[in-house]
Amino acid sequence: MQLRKCCNHLYLLKGVEEELTKSCRTDEDFYNKLLESSGKLQLLDKFIEKYRNEGHKMLVFSQFKGMVDILKDYLTFKKVRYEILTGTVKS
């Protein structure tokens, strides 16, 4: 399970986020650390730029609620509108 988390984003592992961001001073620093800590998020970043410029919408799926939280932080920083669907969302 830990390897699956590591493949999605390093922040999903306990204590990693605090260790990697302790030297961050600005929101830009936090964003850069967030992005550089995941190859999948870097690829998503490129897709979002491409599809946003073309006026398309995207669906992103994750099996980890923690990854959804990371995506929310990322999308908020990028000022991308999003909707979240999890088991806690009322129909």
PDB file of N, CA and C in Angstrom:
ATOM      1  N   MET A   1       0.830  -1.193   0.000  1.00  0.00           N
ATOM      2  CA  MET A   1       0.000   0.000   0.000  1.00  0.00           C
ATOM      3  C   MET A   1       0.874   1.257   0.000  1.00  0.00           C
ATOM      4  N   GLN A   2       1.970   1.206   0.755  1.00  0.00           N
ATOM      5  CA  GLN A   2       2.853   2.372   0.818  1.00  0.00           C
ATOM      6  C   GLN A   2       3.482   2.653  -0.545  1.00  0.00           C
ATOM      7  N   LEU A   3       3.805   1.610  -1.294  1.00  0.00           N
ATOM      8  CA  LEU A   3       4.366   1.811  -2.631  1.00  0.00           C
ATOM      9  C   LEU A   3       3.334   2.423  -3.570  1.00  0.00           C
ATOM     10  N   ARG A   4       2.069   2.017  -3.427  1.00  0.00           N
ATOM     11  CA  ARG A   4       1.011   2.615  -4.250  1.00  0.00           C
ATOM     12  C   ARG A   4       0.880   4.100  -3.935  1.00  0.00           C
ATOM     13  N   LYS A   5       0.927   4.434  -2.653  1.00  0.00           N
ATOM     14  CA  LYS A   5       0.851   5.842  -2.257  1.00  0.00           C
ATOM     15  C   LYS A   5       2.040   6.619  -2.817  1.00  0.00           C
ATOM     16  N   CYS A   6       3.216   6.043  -2.707  1.00  0.00           N
ATOM     17  CA  CYS A   6       4.439   6.692  -3.187  1.00  0.00           C
ATOM     18  C   CYS A   6       4.368   6.968  -4.685  1.00  0.00           C
ATOM     19  N   CYS A   7       3.739   6.071  -5.423  1.00  0.00           N
ATOM     20  CA  CYS A   7       3.610   6.250  -6.877  1.00  0.00           C
ATOM     21  C   CYS A   7       2.640   7.372  -7.235  1.00  0.00           C
ATOM     22  N   ASN A   8       1.714   7.699  -6.344  1.00  0.00           N
ATOM     23  CA  ASN A   8       0.764   8.774  -6.602  1.00  0.00           C
ATOM     24  C   ASN A   8       1.339  10.127  -6.181  1.00  0.00           C
ATOM     25  N   HIS A   9       1.760  10.223  -4.932  1.00  0.00           N
ATOM     26  CA  HIS A   9       2.341  11.480  -4.448  1.00  0.00           C
ATOM     27  C   HIS A   9       3.056  11.212  -3.135  1.00  0.00           C
ATOM     28  N   LEU A  10       4.240  11.783  -2.970  1.00  0.00           N
ATOM     29  CA  LEU A  10       5.026  11.543  -1.754  1.00  0.00           C
ATOM     30  C   LEU A  10       4.323  12.041  -0.492  1.00  0.00           C
ATOM     31  N   TYR A  11       3.468  13.060  -0.614  1.00  0.00           N
ATOM     32  CA  TYR A  11       2.787  13.614   0.552  1.00  0.00           C
ATOM     33  C   TYR A  11       1.809  12.620   1.175  1.00  0.00           C
ATOM     34  N   LEU A  12       1.481  11.545   0.469  1.00  0.00           N
ATOM     35  CA  LEU A  12       0.580  10.535   1.028  1.00  0.00           C
ATOM     36  C   LEU A  12       1.276   9.685   2.092  1.00  0.00           C
ATOM     37  N   LEU A  13       2.601   9.742   2.124  1.00  0.00           N
ATOM     38  CA  LEU A  13       3.360   9.007   3.133  1.00  0.00           C
ATOM     39  C   LEU A  13       3.488   9.858   4.388  1.00  0.00           C
ATOM     40  N   LYS A  14       3.356   9.232   5.528  1.00  0.00           N
ATOM     41  CA  LYS A  14       3.342   9.945   6.801  1.00  0.00           C
ATOM     42  C   LYS A  14       4.644  10.707   7.049  1.00  0.00           C
ATOM     43  N   GLY A  15       4.519  11.999   7.345  1.00  0.00           N
ATOM     44  CA  GLY A  15       5.650  12.842   7.709  1.00  0.00           C
ATOM     45  C   GLY A  15       6.442  13.442   6.554  1.00  0.00           C
ATOM     46  N   VAL A  16       6.183  13.007   5.341  1.00  0.00           N
ATOM     47  CA  VAL A  16       6.971  13.476   4.193  1.00  0.00           C
ATOM     48  C   VAL A  16       6.665  14.938   3.872  1.00  0.00           C
ATOM     49  N   GLU A  17       5.392  15.308   3.891  1.00  0.00           N
ATOM     50  CA  GLU A  17       5.034  16.689   3.550  1.00  0.00           C
ATOM     51  C   GLU A  17       5.704  17.682   4.486  1.00  0.00           C
ATOM     52  N   GLU A  18       5.657  17.402   5.768  1.00  0.00           N
ATOM     53  CA  GLU A  18       6.264  18.312   6.742  1.00  0.00           C
ATOM     54  C   GLU A  18       7.763  18.439   6.508  1.00  0.00           C
ATOM     55  N   GLU A  19       8.409  17.321   6.209  1.00  0.00           N
ATOM     56  CA  GLU A  19       9.853  17.331   5.978  1.00  0.00           C
ATOM     57  C   GLU A  19      10.225  18.103   4.716  1.00  0.00           C
ATOM     58  N   LEU A  20       9.478  17.899   3.650  1.00  0.00           N
ATOM     59  CA  LEU A  20       9.809  18.547   2.377  1.00  0.00           C
ATOM     60  C   LEU A  20       9.468  20.034   2.344  1.00  0.00           C
ATOM     61  N   THR A  21       8.473  20.441   3.125  1.00  0.00           N
ATOM     62  CA  THR A  21       8.026  21.838   3.054  1.00  0.00           C
ATOM     63  C   THR A  21       8.544  22.709   4.194  1.00  0.00           C
ATOM     64  N   LYS A  22       9.395  22.179   5.046  1.00  0.00           N
ATOM     65  CA  LYS A  22       9.840  22.976   6.198  1.00  0.00           C
ATOM     66  C   LYS A  22      10.649  24.206   5.795  1.00  0.00           C
ATOM     67  N   SER A  23      11.261  24.197   4.620  1.00  0.00           N
ATOM     68  CA  SER A  23      12.029  25.365   4.172  1.00  0.00           C
ATOM     69  C   SER A  23      11.213  26.296   3.267  1.00  0.00           C
ATOM     70  N   CYS A  24       9.960  25.949   2.999  1.00  0.00           N
ATOM     71  CA  CYS A  24       9.109  26.770   2.121  1.00  0.00           C
ATOM     72  C   CYS A  24       8.646  28.022   2.866  1.00  0.00           C
ATOM     73  N   ARG A  25       8.730  29.158   2.192  1.00  0.00           N
ATOM     74  CA  ARG A  25       8.327  30.429   2.810  1.00  0.00           C
ATOM     75  C   ARG A  25       7.102  31.043   2.131  1.00  0.00           C
ATOM     76  N   THR A  26       6.920  30.807   0.841  1.00  0.00           N
ATOM     77  CA  THR A  26       5.817  31.440   0.116  1.00  0.00           C
ATOM     78  C   THR A  26       4.871  30.372  -0.442  1.00  0.00           C
ATOM     79  N   ASP A  27       3.692  30.814  -0.873  1.00  0.00           N
ATOM     80  CA  ASP A  27       2.751  29.899  -1.514  1.00  0.00           C
ATOM     81  C   ASP A  27       3.363  29.289  -2.765  1.00  0.00           C
ATOM     82  N   GLU A  28       4.146  30.062  -3.470  1.00  0.00           N
ATOM     83  CA  GLU A  28       4.820  29.567  -4.680  1.00  0.00           C
ATOM     84  C   GLU A  28       5.786  28.429  -4.337  1.00  0.00           C
ATOM     85  N   ASP A  29       6.505  28.570  -3.217  1.00  0.00           N
ATOM     86  CA  ASP A  29       7.414  27.504  -2.770  1.00  0.00           C
ATOM     87  C   ASP A  29       6.639  26.227  -2.467  1.00  0.00           C
ATOM     88  N   PHE A  30       5.507  26.368  -1.750  1.00  0.00           N
ATOM     89  CA  PHE A  30       4.680  25.206  -1.419  1.00  0.00           C
ATOM     90  C   PHE A  30       4.148  24.551  -2.689  1.00  0.00           C
ATOM     91  N   TYR A  31       3.711  25.372  -3.652  1.00  0.00           N
ATOM     92  CA  TYR A  31       3.194  24.843  -4.909  1.00  0.00           C
ATOM     93  C   TYR A  31       4.271  24.084  -5.665  1.00  0.00           C
ATOM     94  N   ASN A  32       5.464  24.637  -5.737  1.00  0.00           N
ATOM     95  CA  ASN A  32       6.564  23.980  -6.449  1.00  0.00           C
ATOM     96  C   ASN A  32       6.920  22.638  -5.808  1.00  0.00           C
ATOM     97  N   LYS A  33       6.944  22.593  -4.468  1.00  0.00           N
ATOM     98  CA  LYS A  33       7.209  21.329  -3.771  1.00  0.00           C
ATOM     99  C   LYS A  33       6.092  20.328  -4.027  1.00  0.00           C
ATOM    100  N   LEU A  34       4.844  20.807  -4.006  1.00  0.00           N
ATOM    101  CA  LEU A  34       3.700  19.943  -4.270  1.00  0.00           C
ATOM    102  C   LEU A  34       3.831  19.309  -5.648  1.00  0.00           C
ATOM    103  N   LEU A  35       4.211  20.110  -6.618  1.00  0.00           N
ATOM    104  CA  LEU A  35       4.306  19.645  -8.001  1.00  0.00           C
ATOM    105  C   LEU A  35       5.512  18.729  -8.216  1.00  0.00           C
ATOM    106  N   GLU A  36       6.646  19.088  -7.656  1.00  0.00           N
ATOM    107  CA  GLU A  36       7.851  18.295  -7.911  1.00  0.00           C
ATOM    108  C   GLU A  36       7.880  16.981  -7.135  1.00  0.00           C
ATOM    109  N   SER A  37       6.944  16.796  -6.212  1.00  0.00           N
ATOM    110  CA  SER A  37       6.903  15.580  -5.401  1.00  0.00           C
ATOM    111  C   SER A  37       6.072  14.469  -6.034  1.00  0.00           C
ATOM    112  N   SER A  38       5.588  14.684  -7.271  1.00  0.00           N
ATOM    113  CA  SER A  38       4.777  13.665  -7.919  1.00  0.00           C
ATOM    114  C   SER A  38       4.890  13.773  -9.440  1.00  0.00           C
ATOM    115  N   GLY A  39       5.374  12.711 -10.057  1.00  0.00           N
ATOM    116  CA  GLY A  39       5.437  12.674 -11.513  1.00  0.00           C
ATOM    117  C   GLY A  39       4.050  12.701 -12.128  1.00  0.00           C
ATOM    118  N   LYS A  40       3.096  12.052 -11.476  1.00  0.00           N
ATOM    119  CA  LYS A  40       1.726  12.037 -11.996  1.00  0.00           C
ATOM    120  C   LYS A  40       1.118  13.436 -11.952  1.00  0.00           C
ATOM    121  N   LEU A  41       1.410  14.183 -10.893  1.00  0.00           N
ATOM    122  CA  LEU A  41       0.873  15.542 -10.793  1.00  0.00           C
ATOM    123  C   LEU A  41       1.535  16.463 -11.823  1.00  0.00           C
ATOM    124  N   GLN A  42       2.802  16.238 -12.106  1.00  0.00           N
ATOM    125  CA  GLN A  42       3.489  17.026 -13.139  1.00  0.00           C
ATOM    126  C   GLN A  42       2.854  16.784 -14.497  1.00  0.00           C
ATOM    127  N   LEU A  43       2.527  15.536 -14.791  1.00  0.00           N
ATOM    128  CA  LEU A  43       1.872  15.209 -16.053  1.00  0.00           C
ATOM    129  C   LEU A  43       0.470  15.815 -16.097  1.00  0.00           C
ATOM    130  N   LEU A  44      -0.266  15.723 -14.996  1.00  0.00           N
ATOM    131  CA  LEU A  44      -1.594  16.336 -14.918  1.00  0.00           C
ATOM    132  C   LEU A  44      -1.508  17.842 -15.146  1.00  0.00           C
ATOM    133  N   ASP A  45      -0.474  18.468 -14.606  1.00  0.00           N
ATOM    134  CA  ASP A  45      -0.264  19.902 -14.779  1.00  0.00           C
ATOM    135  C   ASP A  45      -0.145  20.250 -16.267  1.00  0.00           C
ATOM    136  N   LYS A  46       0.576  19.444 -17.011  1.00  0.00           N
ATOM    137  CA  LYS A  46       0.726  19.681 -18.458  1.00  0.00           C
ATOM    138  C   LYS A  46      -0.592  19.470 -19.187  1.00  0.00           C
ATOM    139  N   PHE A  47      -1.324  18.404 -18.807  1.00  0.00           N
ATOM    140  CA  PHE A  47      -2.627  18.146 -19.430  1.00  0.00           C
ATOM    141  C   PHE A  47      -3.608  19.280 -19.162  1.00  0.00           C
ATOM    142  N   ILE A  48      -3.618  19.762 -17.921  1.00  0.00           N
ATOM    143  CA  ILE A  48      -4.561  20.832 -17.559  1.00  0.00           C
ATOM    144  C   ILE A  48      -4.277  22.082 -18.377  1.00  0.00           C
ATOM    145  N   GLU A  49      -3.026  22.444 -18.516  1.00  0.00           N
ATOM    146  CA  GLU A  49      -2.680  23.627 -19.315  1.00  0.00           C
ATOM    147  C   GLU A  49      -3.133  23.452 -20.755  1.00  0.00           C
ATOM    148  N   LYS A  50      -2.866  22.286 -21.324  1.00  0.00           N
ATOM    149  CA  LYS A  50      -3.226  22.027 -22.720  1.00  0.00           C
ATOM    150  C   LYS A  50      -4.740  22.060 -22.916  1.00  0.00           C
ATOM    151  N   TYR A  51      -5.466  21.298 -22.100  1.00  0.00           N
ATOM    152  CA  TYR A  51      -6.915  21.198 -22.280  1.00  0.00           C
ATOM    153  C   TYR A  51      -7.646  22.470 -21.867  1.00  0.00           C
ATOM    154  N   ARG A  52      -7.110  23.174 -20.897  1.00  0.00           N
ATOM    155  CA  ARG A  52      -7.716  24.443 -20.476  1.00  0.00           C
ATOM    156  C   ARG A  52      -7.638  25.458 -21.616  1.00  0.00           C
ATOM    157  N   ASN A  53      -6.496  25.517 -22.269  1.00  0.00           N
ATOM    158  CA  ASN A  53      -6.316  26.448 -23.389  1.00  0.00           C
ATOM    159  C   ASN A  53      -7.218  26.102 -24.564  1.00  0.00           C
ATOM    160  N   GLU A  54      -7.567  24.831 -24.697  1.00  0.00           N
ATOM    161  CA  GLU A  54      -8.439  24.393 -25.788  1.00  0.00           C
ATOM    162  C   GLU A  54      -9.917  24.405 -25.390  1.00  0.00           C
ATOM    163  N   GLY A  55     -10.215  24.768 -24.150  1.00  0.00           N
ATOM    164  CA  GLY A  55     -11.600  24.859 -23.694  1.00  0.00           C
ATOM    165  C   GLY A  55     -12.239  23.536 -23.319  1.00  0.00           C
ATOM    166  N   HIS A  56     -11.443  22.509 -23.081  1.00  0.00           N
ATOM    167  CA  HIS A  56     -11.968  21.193 -22.717  1.00  0.00           C
ATOM    168  C   HIS A  56     -12.129  21.051 -21.212  1.00  0.00           C
ATOM    169  N   LYS A  57     -12.883  20.030 -20.810  1.00  0.00           N
ATOM    170  CA  LYS A  57     -13.032  19.666 -19.401  1.00  0.00           C
ATOM    171  C   LYS A  57     -12.353  18.328 -19.186  1.00  0.00           C
ATOM    172  N   MET A  58     -12.042  18.016 -17.914  1.00  0.00           N
ATOM    173  CA  MET A  58     -11.360  16.767 -17.594  1.00  0.00           C
ATOM    174  C   MET A  58     -12.043  16.071 -16.427  1.00  0.00           C
ATOM    175  N   LEU A  59     -11.915  14.758 -16.395  1.00  0.00           N
ATOM    176  CA  LEU A  59     -12.307  13.937 -15.251  1.00  0.00           C
ATOM    177  C   LEU A  59     -11.046  13.287 -14.710  1.00  0.00           C
ATOM    178  N   VAL A  60     -10.839  13.377 -13.404  1.00  0.00           N
ATOM    179  CA  VAL A  60      -9.673  12.767 -12.779  1.00  0.00           C
ATOM    180  C   VAL A  60     -10.172  11.839 -11.684  1.00  0.00           C
ATOM    181  N   PHE A  61      -9.685  10.610 -11.680  1.00  0.00           N
ATOM    182  CA  PHE A  61     -10.092   9.619 -10.694  1.00  0.00           C
ATOM    183  C   PHE A  61      -8.930   9.300  -9.763  1.00  0.00           C
ATOM    184  N   SER A  62      -9.254   9.013  -8.505  1.00  0.00           N
ATOM    185  CA  SER A  62      -8.245   8.575  -7.551  1.00  0.00           C
ATOM    186  C   SER A  62      -8.870   7.594  -6.571  1.00  0.00           C
ATOM    187  N   GLN A  63      -8.088   6.623  -6.141  1.00  0.00           N
ATOM    188  CA  GLN A  63      -8.550   5.665  -5.142  1.00  0.00           C
ATOM    189  C   GLN A  63      -8.214   6.122  -3.729  1.00  0.00           C
ATOM    190  N   PHE A  64      -7.468   7.211  -3.611  1.00  0.00           N
ATOM    191  CA  PHE A  64      -7.050   7.700  -2.296  1.00  0.00           C
ATOM    192  C   PHE A  64      -7.681   9.053  -2.003  1.00  0.00           C
ATOM    193  N   LYS A  65      -8.362   9.153  -0.868  1.00  0.00           N
ATOM    194  CA  LYS A  65      -8.941  10.429  -0.470  1.00  0.00           C
ATOM    195  C   LYS A  65      -7.842  11.468  -0.237  1.00  0.00           C
ATOM    196  N   GLY A  66      -6.718  11.030   0.265  1.00  0.00           N
ATOM    197  CA  GLY A  66      -5.588  11.936   0.466  1.00  0.00           C
ATOM    198  C   GLY A  66      -5.120  12.557  -0.841  1.00  0.00           C
ATOM    199  N   MET A  67      -5.158  11.788  -1.908  1.00  0.00           N
ATOM    200  CA  MET A  67      -4.773  12.314  -3.219  1.00  0.00           C
ATOM    201  C   MET A  67      -5.796  13.334  -3.702  1.00  0.00           C
ATOM    202  N   VAL A  68      -7.056  13.098  -3.406  1.00  0.00           N
ATOM    203  CA  VAL A  68      -8.100  14.064  -3.755  1.00  0.00           C
ATOM    204  C   VAL A  68      -7.841  15.384  -3.026  1.00  0.00           C
ATOM    205  N   ASP A  69      -7.440  15.309  -1.778  1.00  0.00           N
ATOM    206  CA  ASP A  69      -7.122  16.521  -1.010  1.00  0.00           C
ATOM    207  C   ASP A  69      -5.931  17.261  -1.618  1.00  0.00           C
ATOM    208  N   ILE A  70      -4.926  16.524  -2.051  1.00  0.00           N
ATOM    209  CA  ILE A  70      -3.761  17.132  -2.707  1.00  0.00           C
ATOM    210  C   ILE A  70      -4.188  17.799  -4.010  1.00  0.00           C
ATOM    211  N   LEU A  71      -5.043  17.123  -4.769  1.00  0.00           N
ATOM    212  CA  LEU A  71      -5.537  17.694  -6.031  1.00  0.00           C
ATOM    213  C   LEU A  71      -6.338  18.968  -5.780  1.00  0.00           C
ATOM    214  N   LYS A  72      -7.122  18.987  -4.694  1.00  0.00           N
ATOM    215  CA  LYS A  72      -7.878  20.200  -4.354  1.00  0.00           C
ATOM    216  C   LYS A  72      -6.931  21.367  -4.100  1.00  0.00           C
ATOM    217  N   ASP A  73      -5.870  21.125  -3.343  1.00  0.00           N
ATOM    218  CA  ASP A  73      -4.883  22.180  -3.075  1.00  0.00           C
ATOM    219  C   ASP A  73      -4.239  22.663  -4.377  1.00  0.00           C
ATOM    220  N   TYR A  74      -3.870  21.720  -5.213  1.00  0.00           N
ATOM    221  CA  TYR A  74      -3.233  22.048  -6.491  1.00  0.00           C
ATOM    222  C   TYR A  74      -4.173  22.867  -7.372  1.00  0.00           C
ATOM    223  N   LEU A  75      -5.410  22.407  -7.529  1.00  0.00           N
ATOM    224  CA  LEU A  75      -6.366  23.095  -8.402  1.00  0.00           C
ATOM    225  C   LEU A  75      -6.735  24.471  -7.863  1.00  0.00           C
ATOM    226  N   THR A  76      -6.815  24.594  -6.554  1.00  0.00           N
ATOM    227  CA  THR A  76      -7.098  25.892  -5.942  1.00  0.00           C
ATOM    228  C   THR A  76      -5.963  26.869  -6.247  1.00  0.00           C
ATOM    229  N   PHE A  77      -4.727  26.415  -6.114  1.00  0.00           N
ATOM    230  CA  PHE A  77      -3.592  27.281  -6.403  1.00  0.00           C
ATOM    231  C   PHE A  77      -3.581  27.709  -7.870  1.00  0.00           C
ATOM    232  N   LYS A  78      -3.917  26.778  -8.771  1.00  0.00           N
ATOM    233  CA  LYS A  78      -3.933  27.063 -10.213  1.00  0.00           C
ATOM    234  C   LYS A  78      -5.181  27.826 -10.649  1.00  0.00           C
ATOM    235  N   LYS A  79      -6.111  28.050  -9.706  1.00  0.00           N
ATOM    236  CA  LYS A  79      -7.370  28.745  -9.989  1.00  0.00           C
ATOM    237  C   LYS A  79      -8.181  28.011 -11.064  1.00  0.00           C
ATOM    238  N   VAL A  80      -8.250  26.693 -10.901  1.00  0.00           N
ATOM    239  CA  VAL A  80      -9.030  25.837 -11.797  1.00  0.00           C
ATOM    240  C   VAL A  80     -10.300  25.446 -11.052  1.00  0.00           C
ATOM    241  N   ARG A  81     -11.451  25.646 -11.705  1.00  0.00           N
ATOM    242  CA  ARG A  81     -12.719  25.240 -11.093  1.00  0.00           C
ATOM    243  C   ARG A  81     -12.806  23.726 -11.092  1.00  0.00           C
ATOM    244  N   TYR A  82     -13.354  23.173 -10.007  1.00  0.00           N
ATOM    245  CA  TYR A  82     -13.451  21.717  -9.908  1.00  0.00           C
ATOM    246  C   TYR A  82     -14.663  21.322  -9.073  1.00  0.00           C
ATOM    247  N   GLU A  83     -15.064  20.092  -9.225  1.00  0.00           N
ATOM    248  CA  GLU A  83     -16.098  19.459  -8.419  1.00  0.00           C
ATOM    249  C   GLU A  83     -15.520  18.156  -7.895  1.00  0.00           C
ATOM    250  N   ILE A  84     -15.849  17.816  -6.667  1.00  0.00           N
ATOM    251  CA  ILE A  84     -15.353  16.595  -6.058  1.00  0.00           C
ATOM    252  C   ILE A  84     -16.522  15.634  -5.855  1.00  0.00           C
ATOM    253  N   LEU A  85     -16.337  14.392  -6.249  1.00  0.00           N
ATOM    254  CA  LEU A  85     -17.318  13.344  -5.991  1.00  0.00           C
ATOM    255  C   LEU A  85     -16.649  12.248  -5.194  1.00  0.00           C
ATOM    256  N   THR A  86     -17.053  12.100  -3.943  1.00  0.00           N
ATOM    257  CA  THR A  86     -16.556  11.020  -3.096  1.00  0.00           C
ATOM    258  C   THR A  86     -17.757  10.353  -2.446  1.00  0.00           C
ATOM    259  N   GLY A  87     -17.508   9.352  -1.640  1.00  0.00           N
ATOM    260  CA  GLY A  87     -18.576   8.671  -0.935  1.00  0.00           C
ATOM    261  C   GLY A  87     -19.265   9.538   0.091  1.00  0.00           C
ATOM    262  N   THR A  88     -18.662  10.681   0.440  1.00  0.00           N
ATOM    263  CA  THR A  88     -19.257  11.565   1.446  1.00  0.00           C
ATOM    264  C   THR A  88     -20.162  12.614   0.834  1.00  0.00           C
ATOM    265  N   VAL A  89     -20.183  12.719  -0.512  1.00  0.00           N
ATOM    266  CA  VAL A  89     -21.021  13.706  -1.198  1.00  0.00           C
ATOM    267  C   VAL A  89     -22.449  13.185  -1.259  1.00  0.00           C
ATOM    268  N   LYS A  90     -23.394  13.993  -0.796  1.00  0.00           N
ATOM    269  CA  LYS A  90     -24.797  13.583  -0.841  1.00  0.00           C
ATOM    270  C   LYS A  90     -25.308  13.620  -2.271  1.00  0.00           C
ATOM    271  N   SER A  91     -26.179  12.690  -2.597  1.00  0.00           N
ATOM    272  CA  SER A  91     -26.704  12.623  -3.969  1.00  0.00           C
ATOM    273  C   SER A  91     -27.649  13.779  -4.206  1.00  0.00           C
TER     274      SER A  91
END
